Amino acid sequence: ISMLNTSGFWHEAKDLNSSRNDALIAKYLWIYKSWWVLFIVGM
């Protein structure tokens, strides 16, 4: 449901990664955040 529920999965991943500090997960979260920035800039 990650595509439909943007708040649940992605916020949990961000919160869990804040305690783990995994570089690969941080990269994946950055990619997803970049998509939103590009979408908002485009709009």
PDB file of all heavy atoms in Angstrom:
ATOM      1  N   ILE A   1       0.819  -1.210   0.000  1.00  0.00           N
ATOM      2  CA  ILE A   1       0.000   0.000   0.000  1.00  0.00           C
ATOM      3  C   ILE A   1       0.852   1.259   0.000  1.00  0.00           C
ATOM      4  O   ILE A   1       0.356   2.347   0.198  1.00  0.00           O
ATOM      5  CB  ILE A   1      -0.982   0.018   1.192  1.00  0.00           C
ATOM      6  CG1 ILE A   1      -0.228   0.014   2.517  1.00  0.00           C
ATOM      7  CG2 ILE A   1      -1.970  -1.112   1.107  1.00  0.00           C
ATOM      8  CD1 ILE A   1      -1.092   0.318   3.711  1.00  0.00           C
ATOM      9  N   SER A   2       2.164   1.112  -0.240  1.00  0.00           N
ATOM     10  CA  SER A   2       3.062   2.261  -0.174  1.00  0.00           C
ATOM     11  C   SER A   2       2.736   3.317  -1.222  1.00  0.00           C
ATOM     12  O   SER A   2       2.969   4.498  -1.011  1.00  0.00           O
ATOM     13  CB  SER A   2       4.514   1.816  -0.336  1.00  0.00           C
ATOM     14  OG  SER A   2       4.717   1.272  -1.614  1.00  0.00           O
ATOM     15  N   MET A   3       2.184   2.895  -2.366  1.00  0.00           N
ATOM     16  CA  MET A   3       1.849   3.879  -3.394  1.00  0.00           C
ATOM     17  C   MET A   3       0.573   4.623  -3.032  1.00  0.00           C
ATOM     18  O   MET A   3       0.409   5.787  -3.360  1.00  0.00           O
ATOM     19  CB  MET A   3       1.677   3.202  -4.751  1.00  0.00           C
ATOM     20  CG  MET A   3       1.569   4.197  -5.877  1.00  0.00           C
ATOM     21  SD  MET A   3       1.835   3.515  -7.510  1.00  0.00           S
ATOM     22  CE  MET A   3       0.384   2.554  -7.767  1.00  0.00           C
ATOM     23  N   LEU A   4      -0.321   3.969  -2.317  1.00  0.00           N
ATOM     24  CA  LEU A   4      -1.582   4.605  -1.953  1.00  0.00           C
ATOM     25  C   LEU A   4      -1.484   5.351  -0.626  1.00  0.00           C
ATOM     26  O   LEU A   4      -2.085   6.398  -0.456  1.00  0.00           O
ATOM     27  CB  LEU A   4      -2.682   3.542  -1.871  1.00  0.00           C
ATOM     28  CG  LEU A   4      -2.912   2.747  -3.156  1.00  0.00           C
ATOM     29  CD1 LEU A   4      -3.906   1.629  -2.893  1.00  0.00           C
ATOM     30  CD2 LEU A   4      -3.377   3.640  -4.271  1.00  0.00           C
ATOM     31  N   ASN A   5      -0.748   4.797   0.313  1.00  0.00           N
ATOM     32  CA  ASN A   5      -0.641   5.391   1.636  1.00  0.00           C
ATOM     33  C   ASN A   5       0.751   5.987   1.787  1.00  0.00           C
ATOM     34  O   ASN A   5       1.666   5.331   2.268  1.00  0.00           O
ATOM     35  CB  ASN A   5      -0.897   4.324   2.707  1.00  0.00           C
ATOM     36  CG  ASN A   5      -0.876   4.909   4.091  1.00  0.00           C
ATOM     37  OD1 ASN A   5      -0.776   6.117   4.266  1.00  0.00           O
ATOM     38  ND2 ASN A   5      -0.952   4.057   5.082  1.00  0.00           N
ATOM     39  N   THR A   6       0.911   7.220   1.364  1.00  0.00           N
ATOM     40  CA  THR A   6       2.238   7.826   1.382  1.00  0.00           C
ATOM     41  C   THR A   6       2.726   8.127   2.786  1.00  0.00           C
ATOM     42  O   THR A   6       3.924   8.194   3.005  1.00  0.00           O
ATOM     43  CB  THR A   6       2.255   9.128   0.565  1.00  0.00           C
ATOM     44  OG1 THR A   6       1.274  10.012   1.085  1.00  0.00           O
ATOM     45  CG2 THR A   6       1.992   8.852  -0.890  1.00  0.00           C
ATOM     46  N   SER A   7       1.817   8.297   3.716  1.00  0.00           N
ATOM     47  CA  SER A   7       2.267   8.671   5.050  1.00  0.00           C
ATOM     48  C   SER A   7       2.738   7.482   5.870  1.00  0.00           C
ATOM     49  O   SER A   7       3.720   7.577   6.597  1.00  0.00           O
ATOM     50  CB  SER A   7       1.161   9.417   5.794  1.00  0.00           C
ATOM     51  OG  SER A   7       0.034   8.573   5.929  1.00  0.00           O
ATOM     52  N   GLY A   8       2.076   6.357   5.778  1.00  0.00           N
ATOM     53  CA  GLY A   8       2.372   5.234   6.666  1.00  0.00           C
ATOM     54  C   GLY A   8       3.727   4.586   6.460  1.00  0.00           C
ATOM     55  O   GLY A   8       4.596   4.634   7.337  1.00  0.00           O
ATOM     56  N   PHE A   9       3.924   3.971   5.325  1.00  0.00           N
ATOM     57  CA  PHE A   9       5.147   3.202   5.081  1.00  0.00           C
ATOM     58  C   PHE A   9       6.391   4.083   5.100  1.00  0.00           C
ATOM     59  O   PHE A   9       7.392   3.759   5.740  1.00  0.00           O
ATOM     60  CB  PHE A   9       5.051   2.468   3.741  1.00  0.00           C
ATOM     61  CG  PHE A   9       6.296   1.694   3.418  1.00  0.00           C
ATOM     62  CD1 PHE A   9       6.478   0.434   3.929  1.00  0.00           C
ATOM     63  CD2 PHE A   9       7.297   2.251   2.626  1.00  0.00           C
ATOM     64  CE1 PHE A   9       7.638  -0.274   3.654  1.00  0.00           C
ATOM     65  CE2 PHE A   9       8.449   1.554   2.347  1.00  0.00           C
ATOM     66  CZ  PHE A   9       8.617   0.289   2.858  1.00  0.00           C
ATOM     67  N   TRP A  10       6.332   5.200   4.387  1.00  0.00           N
ATOM     68  CA  TRP A  10       7.527   6.021   4.220  1.00  0.00           C
ATOM     69  C   TRP A  10       7.936   6.702   5.518  1.00  0.00           C
ATOM     70  O   TRP A  10       9.124   6.845   5.800  1.00  0.00           O
ATOM     71  CB  TRP A  10       7.312   7.022   3.095  1.00  0.00           C
ATOM     72  CG  TRP A  10       7.031   6.310   1.801  1.00  0.00           C
ATOM     73  CD1 TRP A  10       5.812   6.133   1.215  1.00  0.00           C
ATOM     74  CD2 TRP A  10       7.965   5.614   0.983  1.00  0.00           C
ATOM     75  NE1 TRP A  10       5.938   5.391   0.062  1.00  0.00           N
ATOM     76  CE2 TRP A  10       7.249   5.056  -0.103  1.00  0.00           C
ATOM     77  CE3 TRP A  10       9.339   5.414   1.046  1.00  0.00           C
ATOM     78  CZ2 TRP A  10       7.869   4.318  -1.101  1.00  0.00           C
ATOM     79  CZ3 TRP A  10       9.944   4.680   0.039  1.00  0.00           C
ATOM     80  CH2 TRP A  10       9.222   4.147  -1.008  1.00  0.00           C
ATOM     81  N   HIS A  11       6.954   7.105   6.329  1.00  0.00           N
ATOM     82  CA  HIS A  11       7.297   7.703   7.628  1.00  0.00           C
ATOM     83  C   HIS A  11       7.867   6.659   8.576  1.00  0.00           C
ATOM     84  O   HIS A  11       8.786   6.954   9.336  1.00  0.00           O
ATOM     85  CB  HIS A  11       6.081   8.391   8.245  1.00  0.00           C
ATOM     86  CG  HIS A  11       5.772   9.707   7.606  1.00  0.00           C
ATOM     87  ND1 HIS A  11       6.569  10.809   7.754  1.00  0.00           N
ATOM     88  CD2 HIS A  11       4.771  10.093   6.789  1.00  0.00           C
ATOM     89  CE1 HIS A  11       6.072  11.813   7.071  1.00  0.00           C
ATOM     90  NE2 HIS A  11       4.970  11.406   6.463  1.00  0.00           N
ATOM     91  N   GLU A  12       7.318   5.454   8.531  1.00  0.00           N
ATOM     92  CA  GLU A  12       7.877   4.399   9.378  1.00  0.00           C
ATOM     93  C   GLU A  12       9.315   4.089   8.956  1.00  0.00           C
ATOM     94  O   GLU A  12      10.193   3.908   9.810  1.00  0.00           O
ATOM     95  CB  GLU A  12       7.028   3.135   9.299  1.00  0.00           C
ATOM     96  CG  GLU A  12       7.554   2.039  10.192  1.00  0.00           C
ATOM     97  CD  GLU A  12       6.788   0.748  10.095  1.00  0.00           C
ATOM     98  OE1 GLU A  12       5.822   0.657   9.315  1.00  0.00           O
ATOM     99  OE2 GLU A  12       7.183  -0.193  10.798  1.00  0.00           O
ATOM    100  N   ALA A  13       9.567   4.025   7.662  1.00  0.00           N
ATOM    101  CA  ALA A  13      10.925   3.765   7.175  1.00  0.00           C
ATOM    102  C   ALA A  13      11.878   4.877   7.615  1.00  0.00           C
ATOM    103  O   ALA A  13      13.009   4.602   8.049  1.00  0.00           O
ATOM    104  CB  ALA A  13      10.931   3.636   5.663  1.00  0.00           C
ATOM    105  N   LYS A  14      11.419   6.113   7.536  1.00  0.00           N
ATOM    106  CA  LYS A  14      12.260   7.240   7.965  1.00  0.00           C
ATOM    107  C   LYS A  14      12.541   7.181   9.457  1.00  0.00           C
ATOM    108  O   LYS A  14      13.682   7.382   9.896  1.00  0.00           O
ATOM    109  CB  LYS A  14      11.571   8.560   7.612  1.00  0.00           C
ATOM    110  CG  LYS A  14      12.361   9.772   7.981  1.00  0.00           C
ATOM    111  CD  LYS A  14      11.601  11.032   7.645  1.00  0.00           C
ATOM    112  CE  LYS A  14      12.308  12.255   8.179  1.00  0.00           C
ATOM    113  NZ  LYS A  14      11.512  13.451   8.055  1.00  0.00           N
ATOM    114  N   ASP A  15      11.518   6.876  10.241  1.00  0.00           N
ATOM    115  CA  ASP A  15      11.703   6.796  11.690  1.00  0.00           C
ATOM    116  C   ASP A  15      12.626   5.653  12.091  1.00  0.00           C
ATOM    117  O   ASP A  15      13.488   5.816  12.966  1.00  0.00           O
ATOM    118  CB  ASP A  15      10.352   6.643  12.393  1.00  0.00           C
ATOM    119  CG  ASP A  15       9.489   7.885  12.280  1.00  0.00           C
ATOM    120  OD1 ASP A  15      10.047   8.971  11.991  1.00  0.00           O
ATOM    121  OD2 ASP A  15       8.263   7.778  12.463  1.00  0.00           O
ATOM    122  N   LEU A  16      12.453   4.494  11.463  1.00  0.00           N
ATOM    123  CA  LEU A  16      13.323   3.358  11.776  1.00  0.00           C
ATOM    124  C   LEU A  16      14.751   3.615  11.346  1.00  0.00           C
ATOM    125  O   LEU A  16      15.698   3.205  12.022  1.00  0.00           O
ATOM    126  CB  LEU A  16      12.794   2.080  11.123  1.00  0.00           C
ATOM    127  CG  LEU A  16      11.531   1.477  11.710  1.00  0.00           C
ATOM    128  CD1 LEU A  16      11.042   0.316  10.856  1.00  0.00           C
ATOM    129  CD2 LEU A  16      11.779   1.008  13.140  1.00  0.00           C
ATOM    130  N   ASN A  17      14.925   4.303  10.225  1.00  0.00           N
ATOM    131  CA  ASN A  17      16.277   4.571   9.752  1.00  0.00           C
ATOM    132  C   ASN A  17      16.968   5.650  10.581  1.00  0.00           C
ATOM    133  O   ASN A  17      18.189   5.683  10.621  1.00  0.00           O
ATOM    134  CB  ASN A  17      16.274   4.968   8.276  1.00  0.00           C
ATOM    135  CG  ASN A  17      17.666   4.902   7.689  1.00  0.00           C
ATOM    136  OD1 ASN A  17      18.394   3.951   7.926  1.00  0.00           O
ATOM    137  ND2 ASN A  17      18.033   5.912   6.935  1.00  0.00           N
ATOM    138  N   SER A  18      16.212   6.487  11.243  1.00  0.00           N
ATOM    139  CA  SER A  18      16.856   7.511  12.080  1.00  0.00           C
ATOM    140  C   SER A  18      17.615   6.873  13.237  1.00  0.00           C
ATOM    141  O   SER A  18      18.632   7.413  13.682  1.00  0.00           O
ATOM    142  CB  SER A  18      15.824   8.505  12.599  1.00  0.00           C
ATOM    143  OG  SER A  18      14.933   7.873  13.487  1.00  0.00           O
ATOM    144  N   SER A  19      17.161   5.705  13.695  1.00  0.00           N
ATOM    145  CA  SER A  19      17.889   5.026  14.763  1.00  0.00           C
ATOM    146  C   SER A  19      18.961   4.079  14.213  1.00  0.00           C
ATOM    147  O   SER A  19      19.955   3.814  14.867  1.00  0.00           O
ATOM    148  CB  SER A  19      16.925   4.244  15.650  1.00  0.00           C
ATOM    149  OG  SER A  19      16.263   3.243  14.901  1.00  0.00           O
ATOM    150  N   ARG A  20      18.776   3.569  12.994  1.00  0.00           N
ATOM    151  CA  ARG A  20      19.724   2.620  12.395  1.00  0.00           C
ATOM    152  C   ARG A  20      20.837   3.322  11.616  1.00  0.00           C
ATOM    153  O   ARG A  20      21.940   2.816  11.524  1.00  0.00           O
ATOM    154  CB  ARG A  20      19.002   1.662  11.443  1.00  0.00           C
ATOM    155  CG  ARG A  20      17.923   0.877  12.078  1.00  0.00           C
ATOM    156  CD  ARG A  20      18.484  -0.257  12.881  1.00  0.00           C
ATOM    157  NE  ARG A  20      17.383  -1.048  13.408  1.00  0.00           N
ATOM    158  CZ  ARG A  20      17.415  -1.661  14.552  1.00  0.00           C
ATOM    159  NH1 ARG A  20      18.477  -1.600  15.298  1.00  0.00           N
ATOM    160  NH2 ARG A  20      16.385  -2.343  14.972  1.00  0.00           N
ATOM    161  N   ASN A  21      20.528   4.446  10.995  1.00  0.00           N
ATOM    162  CA  ASN A  21      21.477   5.209  10.172  1.00  0.00           C
ATOM    163  C   ASN A  21      22.119   4.347   9.081  1.00  0.00           C
ATOM    164  O   ASN A  21      23.336   4.364   8.894  1.00  0.00           O
ATOM    165  CB  ASN A  21      22.557   5.864  11.032  1.00  0.00           C
ATOM    166  CG  ASN A  21      21.996   6.985  11.868  1.00  0.00           C
ATOM    167  OD1 ASN A  21      21.070   7.667  11.449  1.00  0.00           O
ATOM    168  ND2 ASN A  21      22.547   7.165  13.060  1.00  0.00           N
ATOM    169  N   ASP A  22      21.313   3.617   8.347  1.00  0.00           N
ATOM    170  CA  ASP A  22      21.795   2.788   7.251  1.00  0.00           C
ATOM    171  C   ASP A  22      21.902   3.657   5.998  1.00  0.00           C
ATOM    172  O   ASP A  22      20.938   4.317   5.599  1.00  0.00           O
ATOM    173  CB  ASP A  22      20.843   1.616   7.014  1.00  0.00           C
ATOM    174  CG  ASP A  22      21.359   0.664   5.969  1.00  0.00           C
ATOM    175  OD1 ASP A  22      22.418   0.058   6.211  1.00  0.00           O
ATOM    176  OD2 ASP A  22      20.720   0.534   4.910  1.00  0.00           O
ATOM    177  N   ALA A  23      23.053   3.634   5.360  1.00  0.00           N
ATOM    178  CA  ALA A  23      23.297   4.490   4.202  1.00  0.00           C
ATOM    179  C   ALA A  23      22.440   4.091   3.002  1.00  0.00           C
ATOM    180  O   ALA A  23      21.974   4.953   2.253  1.00  0.00           O
ATOM    181  CB  ALA A  23      24.770   4.447   3.826  1.00  0.00           C
ATOM    182  N   LEU A  24      22.225   2.802   2.796  1.00  0.00           N
ATOM    183  CA  LEU A  24      21.438   2.352   1.651  1.00  0.00           C
ATOM    184  C   LEU A  24      19.969   2.762   1.791  1.00  0.00           C
ATOM    185  O   LEU A  24      19.355   3.237   0.835  1.00  0.00           O
ATOM    186  CB  LEU A  24      21.556   0.829   1.503  1.00  0.00           C
ATOM    187  CG  LEU A  24      20.939   0.222   0.258  1.00  0.00           C
ATOM    188  CD1 LEU A  24      21.561   0.821  -1.002  1.00  0.00           C
ATOM    189  CD2 LEU A  24      21.114  -1.286   0.269  1.00  0.00           C
ATOM    190  N   ILE A  25      19.416   2.612   2.970  1.00  0.00           N
ATOM    191  CA  ILE A  25      18.027   3.030   3.199  1.00  0.00           C
ATOM    192  C   ILE A  25      17.908   4.543   3.072  1.00  0.00           C
ATOM    193  O   ILE A  25      16.940   5.048   2.498  1.00  0.00           O
ATOM    194  CB  ILE A  25      17.518   2.529   4.562  1.00  0.00           C
ATOM    195  CG1 ILE A  25      17.447   1.004   4.557  1.00  0.00           C
ATOM    196  CG2 ILE A  25      16.162   3.128   4.887  1.00  0.00           C
ATOM    197  CD1 ILE A  25      17.112   0.393   5.887  1.00  0.00           C
ATOM    198  N   ALA A  26      18.898   5.264   3.576  1.00  0.00           N
ATOM    199  CA  ALA A  26      18.894   6.726   3.439  1.00  0.00           C
ATOM    200  C   ALA A  26      18.899   7.130   1.965  1.00  0.00           C
ATOM    201  O   ALA A  26      18.219   8.077   1.566  1.00  0.00           O
ATOM    202  CB  ALA A  26      20.085   7.326   4.168  1.00  0.00           C
ATOM    203  N   LYS A  27      19.646   6.385   1.150  1.00  0.00           N
ATOM    204  CA  LYS A  27      19.687   6.660  -0.290  1.00  0.00           C
ATOM    205  C   LYS A  27      18.325   6.417  -0.927  1.00  0.00           C
ATOM    206  O   LYS A  27      17.849   7.226  -1.725  1.00  0.00           O
ATOM    207  CB  LYS A  27      20.734   5.773  -0.952  1.00  0.00           C
ATOM    208  CG  LYS A  27      20.824   5.920  -2.447  1.00  0.00           C
ATOM    209  CD  LYS A  27      21.842   4.943  -3.015  1.00  0.00           C
ATOM    210  CE  LYS A  27      21.731   4.863  -4.505  1.00  0.00           C
ATOM    211  NZ  LYS A  27      22.603   3.816  -5.055  1.00  0.00           N
ATOM    212  N   TYR A  28      17.677   5.304  -0.562  1.00  0.00           N
ATOM    213  CA  TYR A  28      16.348   5.008  -1.104  1.00  0.00           C
ATOM    214  C   TYR A  28      15.324   6.062  -0.682  1.00  0.00           C
ATOM    215  O   TYR A  28      14.482   6.470  -1.479  1.00  0.00           O
ATOM    216  CB  TYR A  28      15.879   3.631  -0.660  1.00  0.00           C
ATOM    217  CG  TYR A  28      16.656   2.475  -1.246  1.00  0.00           C
ATOM    218  CD1 TYR A  28      16.756   1.277  -0.568  1.00  0.00           C
ATOM    219  CD2 TYR A  28      17.295   2.575  -2.479  1.00  0.00           C
ATOM    220  CE1 TYR A  28      17.461   0.200  -1.091  1.00  0.00           C
ATOM    221  CE2 TYR A  28      18.000   1.515  -3.005  1.00  0.00           C
ATOM    222  CZ  TYR A  28      18.081   0.329  -2.314  1.00  0.00           C
ATOM    223  OH  TYR A  28      18.770  -0.725  -2.832  1.00  0.00           O
ATOM    224  N   LEU A  29      15.389   6.491   0.563  1.00  0.00           N
ATOM    225  CA  LEU A  29      14.468   7.525   1.029  1.00  0.00           C
ATOM    226  C   LEU A  29      14.740   8.855   0.323  1.00  0.00           C
ATOM    227  O   LEU A  29      13.807   9.609   0.032  1.00  0.00           O
ATOM    228  CB  LEU A  29      14.567   7.686   2.549  1.00  0.00           C
ATOM    229  CG  LEU A  29      14.041   6.511   3.356  1.00  0.00           C
ATOM    230  CD1 LEU A  29      14.364   6.706   4.829  1.00  0.00           C
ATOM    231  CD2 LEU A  29      12.549   6.334   3.156  1.00  0.00           C
ATOM    232  N   TRP A  30      16.009   9.142   0.048  1.00  0.00           N
ATOM    233  CA  TRP A  30      16.350  10.356  -0.685  1.00  0.00           C
ATOM    234  C   TRP A  30      15.788  10.309  -2.099  1.00  0.00           C
ATOM    235  O   TRP A  30      15.296  11.319  -2.615  1.00  0.00           O
ATOM    236  CB  TRP A  30      17.862  10.536  -0.712  1.00  0.00           C
ATOM    237  CG  TRP A  30      18.287  11.765  -1.444  1.00  0.00           C
ATOM    238  CD1 TRP A  30      18.360  13.029  -0.945  1.00  0.00           C
ATOM    239  CD2 TRP A  30      18.656  11.851  -2.822  1.00  0.00           C
ATOM    240  NE1 TRP A  30      18.763  13.898  -1.932  1.00  0.00           N
ATOM    241  CE2 TRP A  30      18.952  13.195  -3.087  1.00  0.00           C
ATOM    242  CE3 TRP A  30      18.781  10.924  -3.847  1.00  0.00           C
ATOM    243  CZ2 TRP A  30      19.362  13.633  -4.348  1.00  0.00           C
ATOM    244  CZ3 TRP A  30      19.177  11.362  -5.099  1.00  0.00           C
ATOM    245  CH2 TRP A  30      19.467  12.704  -5.328  1.00  0.00           C
ATOM    246  N   ILE A  31      15.839   9.152  -2.747  1.00  0.00           N
ATOM    247  CA  ILE A  31      15.285   9.008  -4.100  1.00  0.00           C
ATOM    248  C   ILE A  31      13.788   9.287  -4.079  1.00  0.00           C
ATOM    249  O   ILE A  31      13.264  10.004  -4.940  1.00  0.00           O
ATOM    250  CB  ILE A  31      15.589   7.596  -4.663  1.00  0.00           C
ATOM    251  CG1 ILE A  31      17.079   7.462  -4.964  1.00  0.00           C
ATOM    252  CG2 ILE A  31      14.757   7.306  -5.904  1.00  0.00           C
ATOM    253  CD1 ILE A  31      17.521   6.044  -5.287  1.00  0.00           C
ATOM    254  N   TYR A  32      13.091   8.729  -3.090  1.00  0.00           N
ATOM    255  CA  TYR A  32      11.643   8.950  -3.012  1.00  0.00           C
ATOM    256  C   TYR A  32      11.319  10.421  -2.722  1.00  0.00           C
ATOM    257  O   TYR A  32      10.426  10.998  -3.324  1.00  0.00           O
ATOM    258  CB  TYR A  32      11.035   8.047  -1.944  1.00  0.00           C
ATOM    259  CG  TYR A  32       9.538   8.089  -1.934  1.00  0.00           C
ATOM    260  CD1 TYR A  32       8.809   7.497  -2.963  1.00  0.00           C
ATOM    261  CD2 TYR A  32       8.842   8.718  -0.917  1.00  0.00           C
ATOM    262  CE1 TYR A  32       7.431   7.542  -2.974  1.00  0.00           C
ATOM    263  CE2 TYR A  32       7.470   8.763  -0.923  1.00  0.00           C
ATOM    264  CZ  TYR A  32       6.767   8.169  -1.949  1.00  0.00           C
ATOM    265  OH  TYR A  32       5.395   8.228  -1.956  1.00  0.00           O
ATOM    266  N   LYS A  33      12.089  11.026  -1.834  1.00  0.00           N
ATOM    267  CA  LYS A  33      11.878  12.440  -1.522  1.00  0.00           C
ATOM    268  C   LYS A  33      12.172  13.321  -2.746  1.00  0.00           C
ATOM    269  O   LYS A  33      11.474  14.295  -3.004  1.00  0.00           O
ATOM    270  CB  LYS A  33      12.776  12.846  -0.351  1.00  0.00           C
ATOM    271  CG  LYS A  33      12.563  14.237   0.141  1.00  0.00           C
ATOM    272  CD  LYS A  33      13.456  14.507   1.341  1.00  0.00           C
ATOM    273  CE  LYS A  33      13.242  15.871   1.888  1.00  0.00           C
ATOM    274  NZ  LYS A  33      14.099  16.126   3.048  1.00  0.00           N
ATOM    275  N   SER A  34      13.189  12.950  -3.517  1.00  0.00           N
ATOM    276  CA  SER A  34      13.528  13.698  -4.724  1.00  0.00           C
ATOM    277  C   SER A  34      12.390  13.658  -5.738  1.00  0.00           C
ATOM    278  O   SER A  34      12.132  14.644  -6.427  1.00  0.00           O
ATOM    279  CB  SER A  34      14.802  13.141  -5.371  1.00  0.00           C
ATOM    280  OG  SER A  34      15.873  13.288  -4.506  1.00  0.00           O
ATOM    281  N   TRP A  35      11.713  12.501  -5.812  1.00  0.00           N
ATOM    282  CA  TRP A  35      10.575  12.400  -6.725  1.00  0.00           C
ATOM    283  C   TRP A  35       9.516  13.423  -6.348  1.00  0.00           C
ATOM    284  O   TRP A  35       8.966  14.107  -7.206  1.00  0.00           O
ATOM    285  CB  TRP A  35       9.970  10.987  -6.693  1.00  0.00           C
ATOM    286  CG  TRP A  35       8.803  10.884  -7.605  1.00  0.00           C
ATOM    287  CD1 TRP A  35       8.822  10.559  -8.916  1.00  0.00           C
ATOM    288  CD2 TRP A  35       7.429  11.163  -7.287  1.00  0.00           C
ATOM    289  NE1 TRP A  35       7.549  10.609  -9.437  1.00  0.00           N
ATOM    290  CE2 TRP A  35       6.677  10.981  -8.455  1.00  0.00           C
ATOM    291  CE3 TRP A  35       6.767  11.542  -6.128  1.00  0.00           C
ATOM    292  CZ2 TRP A  35       5.301  11.162  -8.493  1.00  0.00           C
ATOM    293  CZ3 TRP A  35       5.403  11.730  -6.167  1.00  0.00           C
ATOM    294  CH2 TRP A  35       4.683  11.533  -7.343  1.00  0.00           C
ATOM    295  N   TRP A  36       9.228  13.529  -5.055  1.00  0.00           N
ATOM    296  CA  TRP A  36       8.216  14.489  -4.608  1.00  0.00           C
ATOM    297  C   TRP A  36       8.646  15.923  -4.892  1.00  0.00           C
ATOM    298  O   TRP A  36       7.828  16.765  -5.279  1.00  0.00           O
ATOM    299  CB  TRP A  36       7.912  14.310  -3.121  1.00  0.00           C
ATOM    300  CG  TRP A  36       6.901  13.248  -2.899  1.00  0.00           C
ATOM    301  CD1 TRP A  36       7.113  12.004  -2.403  1.00  0.00           C
ATOM    302  CD2 TRP A  36       5.499  13.317  -3.195  1.00  0.00           C
ATOM    303  NE1 TRP A  36       5.932  11.295  -2.376  1.00  0.00           N
ATOM    304  CE2 TRP A  36       4.928  12.081  -2.849  1.00  0.00           C
ATOM    305  CE3 TRP A  36       4.681  14.295  -3.729  1.00  0.00           C
ATOM    306  CZ2 TRP A  36       3.585  11.817  -3.024  1.00  0.00           C
ATOM    307  CZ3 TRP A  36       3.339  14.031  -3.894  1.00  0.00           C
ATOM    308  CH2 TRP A  36       2.799  12.808  -3.539  1.00  0.00           C
ATOM    309  N   VAL A  37       9.909  16.238  -4.691  1.00  0.00           N
ATOM    310  CA  VAL A  37      10.403  17.593  -4.972  1.00  0.00           C
ATOM    311  C   VAL A  37      10.251  17.902  -6.457  1.00  0.00           C
ATOM    312  O   VAL A  37       9.771  18.984  -6.828  1.00  0.00           O
ATOM    313  CB  VAL A  37      11.872  17.744  -4.514  1.00  0.00           C
ATOM    314  CG1 VAL A  37      12.481  19.024  -5.040  1.00  0.00           C
ATOM    315  CG2 VAL A  37      11.958  17.674  -3.002  1.00  0.00           C
ATOM    316  N   LEU A  38      10.636  16.964  -7.320  1.00  0.00           N
ATOM    317  CA  LEU A  38      10.485  17.181  -8.760  1.00  0.00           C
ATOM    318  C   LEU A  38       9.019  17.335  -9.157  1.00  0.00           C
ATOM    319  O   LEU A  38       8.679  18.160 -10.010  1.00  0.00           O
ATOM    320  CB  LEU A  38      11.108  16.024  -9.538  1.00  0.00           C
ATOM    321  CG  LEU A  38      12.624  15.942  -9.512  1.00  0.00           C
ATOM    322  CD1 LEU A  38      13.093  14.652 -10.173  1.00  0.00           C
ATOM    323  CD2 LEU A  38      13.234  17.155 -10.184  1.00  0.00           C
ATOM    324  N   PHE A  39       8.149  16.571  -8.521  1.00  0.00           N
ATOM    325  CA  PHE A  39       6.726  16.665  -8.817  1.00  0.00           C
ATOM    326  C   PHE A  39       6.168  18.025  -8.403  1.00  0.00           C
ATOM    327  O   PHE A  39       5.450  18.674  -9.169  1.00  0.00           O
ATOM    328  CB  PHE A  39       5.969  15.542  -8.101  1.00  0.00           C
ATOM    329  CG  PHE A  39       4.510  15.517  -8.418  1.00  0.00           C
ATOM    330  CD1 PHE A  39       4.063  15.028  -9.628  1.00  0.00           C
ATOM    331  CD2 PHE A  39       3.577  15.996  -7.513  1.00  0.00           C
ATOM    332  CE1 PHE A  39       2.714  15.003  -9.938  1.00  0.00           C
ATOM    333  CE2 PHE A  39       2.230  15.978  -7.802  1.00  0.00           C
ATOM    334  CZ  PHE A  39       1.795  15.482  -9.020  1.00  0.00           C
ATOM    335  N   ILE A  40       6.511  18.481  -7.222  1.00  0.00           N
ATOM    336  CA  ILE A  40       6.018  19.771  -6.728  1.00  0.00           C
ATOM    337  C   ILE A  40       6.572  20.919  -7.571  1.00  0.00           C
ATOM    338  O   ILE A  40       5.834  21.845  -7.933  1.00  0.00           O
ATOM    339  CB  ILE A  40       6.346  19.937  -5.232  1.00  0.00           C
ATOM    340  CG1 ILE A  40       5.505  18.953  -4.412  1.00  0.00           C
ATOM    341  CG2 ILE A  40       6.119  21.373  -4.773  1.00  0.00           C
ATOM    342  CD1 ILE A  40       5.898  18.835  -2.971  1.00  0.00           C
ATOM    343  N   VAL A  41       7.860  20.865  -7.911  1.00  0.00           N
ATOM    344  CA  VAL A  41       8.451  21.904  -8.762  1.00  0.00           C
ATOM    345  C   VAL A  41       7.761  21.932 -10.120  1.00  0.00           C
ATOM    346  O   VAL A  41       7.463  22.994 -10.664  1.00  0.00           O
ATOM    347  CB  VAL A  41       9.973  21.679  -8.906  1.00  0.00           C
ATOM    348  CG1 VAL A  41      10.560  22.504 -10.041  1.00  0.00           C
ATOM    349  CG2 VAL A  41      10.676  21.984  -7.600  1.00  0.00           C
ATOM    350  N   GLY A  42       7.469  20.744 -10.649  1.00  0.00           N
ATOM    351  CA  GLY A  42       6.769  20.680 -11.932  1.00  0.00           C
ATOM    352  C   GLY A  42       5.370  21.260 -11.858  1.00  0.00           C
ATOM    353  O   GLY A  42       4.920  21.955 -12.779  1.00  0.00           O
ATOM    354  N   MET A  43       4.669  21.004 -10.774  1.00  0.00           N
ATOM    355  CA  MET A  43       3.314  21.548 -10.618  1.00  0.00           C
ATOM    356  C   MET A  43       3.335  23.071 -10.466  1.00  0.00           C
ATOM    357  O   MET A  43       2.494  23.753 -11.035  1.00  0.00           O
ATOM    358  CB  MET A  43       2.616  20.906  -9.422  1.00  0.00           C
ATOM    359  CG  MET A  43       2.308  19.446  -9.655  1.00  0.00           C
ATOM    360  SD  MET A  43       1.403  19.178 -11.167  1.00  0.00           S
ATOM    361  CE  MET A  43      -0.216  18.974 -10.544  1.00  0.00           C
TER     362      MET A  43
END
